[in-house]
Amino acid sequence: MGRGKVVLKRIENPTNRQVTFSKRRTGLLKKAFELSVLCEAEVAILIFSPSGKAYQFSSHDINRTITRYKIEVGIAKSDEQGMASAEVWRNEIEDLSRTIEALEAKEKHLGGENLSVLGMKELKQLERQLRVGVERIRSKKV
């Protein structure tokens, strides 16, 4: 059984309006996060409450996303556009460099190197990953 259709009109009761705003804001931010994780989308949301308080979510640097948006829709001025585009790419390079460093560190850990920097939780996770890997290899050989 589905839900009834909600009539979209202003909620007159201020308490109910605030509760609805809070719940829907939370739901919208959750959906934005899910979209960014599941689809690897670059998501940025700005919400201003009726009282003027700002809420935001960004899967990447929000300034980079806004600059990228401005370039995409042609809002940025031509001389600013080149600088903004360079900034977007610079941020992208930094993000990718951090990702590469993290993956290289993880590869070293899997090879048994530099394990002293890991905590107990990371060591247990590494042990589990290695155990699963060994089990896969053994199952393929049989």
Protein backbone atom coordinates (compact mmCIF):
# COMPACT_ATOMS: atom_id res chain seq x y z
CA MET A 1 0.00 0.00 0.00
CA GLY A 2 1.50 3.34 -1.07
CA ARG A 3 1.46 6.67 0.65
CA GLY A 4 -1.13 9.28 -0.13
CA LYS A 5 -0.22 12.21 -2.32
CA VAL A 6 0.92 15.28 -0.39
CA VAL A 7 -0.67 18.56 -1.34
CA LEU A 8 2.14 21.04 -1.92
CA LYS A 9 1.17 24.23 -0.20
CA ARG A 10 2.68 26.31 2.56
CA ILE A 11 2.35 24.73 6.01
CA GLU A 12 0.62 27.32 8.17
CA ASN A 13 1.58 25.96 11.60
CA PRO A 14 5.15 27.22 12.31
CA THR A 15 6.05 24.21 14.45
CA ASN A 16 4.89 21.71 11.83
CA ARG A 17 6.64 23.77 9.13
CA GLN A 18 9.95 23.65 11.06
CA VAL A 19 9.65 19.90 11.70
CA THR A 20 8.89 19.26 8.02
CA PHE A 21 11.81 21.45 6.94
CA SER A 22 14.18 19.60 9.25
CA LYS A 23 13.05 16.13 8.15
CA ARG A 24 13.06 16.96 4.45
CA ARG A 25 16.43 18.70 4.69
CA THR A 26 17.91 15.62 6.32
CA GLY A 27 16.37 13.38 3.66
CA LEU A 28 17.65 15.57 0.83
CA LEU A 29 21.19 15.64 2.23
CA LYS A 30 21.09 11.85 2.69
CA LYS A 31 19.99 11.36 -0.93
CA ALA A 32 22.77 13.68 -2.13
CA PHE A 33 25.35 11.65 -0.19
CA GLU A 34 23.98 8.38 -1.58
CA LEU A 35 24.05 9.74 -5.14
CA SER A 36 27.66 10.83 -4.73
CA VAL A 37 28.74 7.44 -3.36
CA LEU A 38 26.71 5.14 -5.60
CA CYS A 39 27.25 6.99 -8.87
CA GLU A 40 30.54 8.78 -8.14
CA ALA A 41 28.74 12.03 -8.96
CA GLU A 42 30.08 15.39 -7.88
CA VAL A 43 27.25 16.77 -5.76
CA ALA A 44 26.86 20.09 -3.97
CA ILE A 45 23.73 21.33 -2.19
CA LEU A 46 23.14 24.65 -0.44
CA ILE A 47 20.02 25.08 1.68
CA PHE A 48 18.97 28.24 3.50
CA SER A 49 16.35 27.84 6.20
CA PRO A 50 13.53 30.38 6.57
CA SER A 51 15.49 31.86 9.49
CA GLY A 52 18.53 32.32 7.24
CA LYS A 53 20.73 29.51 8.56
CA ALA A 54 22.82 27.83 5.85
CA TYR A 55 23.18 24.07 5.42
CA GLN A 56 25.42 22.45 2.86
CA PHE A 57 26.63 19.14 1.51
CA SER A 58 29.41 18.63 -0.98
CA SER A 59 31.01 15.42 -2.14
CA HIS A 60 34.12 17.39 -3.13
CA ASP A 61 35.39 20.88 -2.35
CA ILE A 62 32.27 23.04 -2.63
CA ASN A 63 34.16 25.99 -4.12
CA ARG A 64 35.55 23.74 -6.84
CA THR A 65 32.07 22.42 -7.60
CA ILE A 66 30.59 25.93 -7.76
CA THR A 67 33.42 27.09 -10.04
CA ARG A 68 32.87 24.07 -12.25
CA TYR A 69 29.15 24.85 -12.39
CA LYS A 70 29.82 28.47 -13.34
CA ILE A 71 32.10 27.38 -16.16
CA GLU A 72 29.58 24.81 -17.36
CA VAL A 73 26.69 27.28 -17.62
CA GLY A 74 28.88 30.16 -18.81
CA ILE A 75 28.52 32.40 -15.77
CA ALA A 76 32.26 32.87 -15.25
CA LYS A 77 33.85 35.74 -17.17
CA SER A 78 36.28 34.74 -19.92
CA ASP A 79 39.47 35.79 -18.08
CA GLU A 80 38.19 34.29 -14.84
CA GLN A 81 37.14 31.18 -16.71
CA GLY A 82 40.71 30.21 -17.57
CA MET A 83 41.84 30.72 -13.99
CA ALA A 84 38.79 28.93 -12.62
CA SER A 85 39.28 26.03 -15.02
CA ALA A 86 42.92 25.79 -13.94
CA GLU A 87 41.79 25.80 -10.31
CA VAL A 88 39.30 22.99 -10.99
CA TRP A 89 42.04 20.90 -12.61
CA ARG A 90 44.52 21.75 -9.83
CA ASN A 91 42.00 20.52 -7.25
CA GLU A 92 41.34 17.41 -9.34
CA ILE A 93 45.08 16.69 -9.47
CA GLU A 94 45.36 17.12 -5.69
CA ASP A 95 42.42 14.75 -5.12
CA LEU A 96 43.91 12.15 -7.45
CA SER A 97 47.35 12.52 -5.84
CA ARG A 98 45.84 11.86 -2.41
CA THR A 99 43.99 8.83 -3.80
CA ILE A 100 47.19 7.48 -5.35
CA GLU A 101 49.10 7.92 -2.08
CA ALA A 102 46.37 6.11 -0.15
CA LEU A 103 46.30 3.24 -2.65
CA GLU A 104 50.10 2.94 -2.63
CA ALA A 105 50.10 2.82 1.17
CA LYS A 106 47.40 0.15 1.11
CA GLU A 107 49.42 -1.86 -1.42
CA LYS A 108 52.49 -1.67 0.84
CA HIS A 109 50.41 -2.84 3.80
CA LEU A 110 49.11 -5.80 1.78
CA GLY A 111 52.73 -6.63 0.94
CA GLY A 112 53.63 -6.63 4.63
CA GLU A 113 55.50 -3.33 4.61
CA ASN A 114 55.09 -0.39 7.00
CA LEU A 115 52.63 -2.21 9.27
CA SER A 116 53.81 -0.39 12.40
CA VAL A 117 51.72 2.68 11.52
CA LEU A 118 48.48 0.68 11.50
CA GLY A 119 46.16 0.41 14.47
CA MET A 120 44.52 -2.75 15.71
CA LYS A 121 41.36 -2.17 13.69
CA GLU A 122 43.30 -1.67 10.44
CA LEU A 123 45.45 -4.73 11.14
CA LYS A 124 42.38 -6.90 11.70
CA GLN A 125 40.82 -5.57 8.49
CA LEU A 126 44.06 -6.30 6.61
CA GLU A 127 44.17 -9.81 8.05
CA ARG A 128 40.58 -10.40 6.91
CA GLN A 129 41.35 -9.12 3.39
CA LEU A 130 44.38 -11.38 3.14
CA ARG A 131 42.41 -14.38 4.43
CA VAL A 132 39.65 -13.79 1.85
CA GLY A 133 42.26 -13.41 -0.89
CA VAL A 134 43.97 -16.65 0.04
CA GLU A 135 40.61 -18.47 0.13
CA ARG A 136 39.77 -17.19 -3.38
CA ILE A 137 43.11 -18.37 -4.74
CA ARG A 138 42.72 -21.80 -3.13
CA SER A 139 39.17 -22.18 -4.46
CA LYS A 140 40.34 -21.36 -8.01
CA LYS A 141 43.19 -23.90 -7.84
CA VAL A 142 40.86 -26.73 -6.77
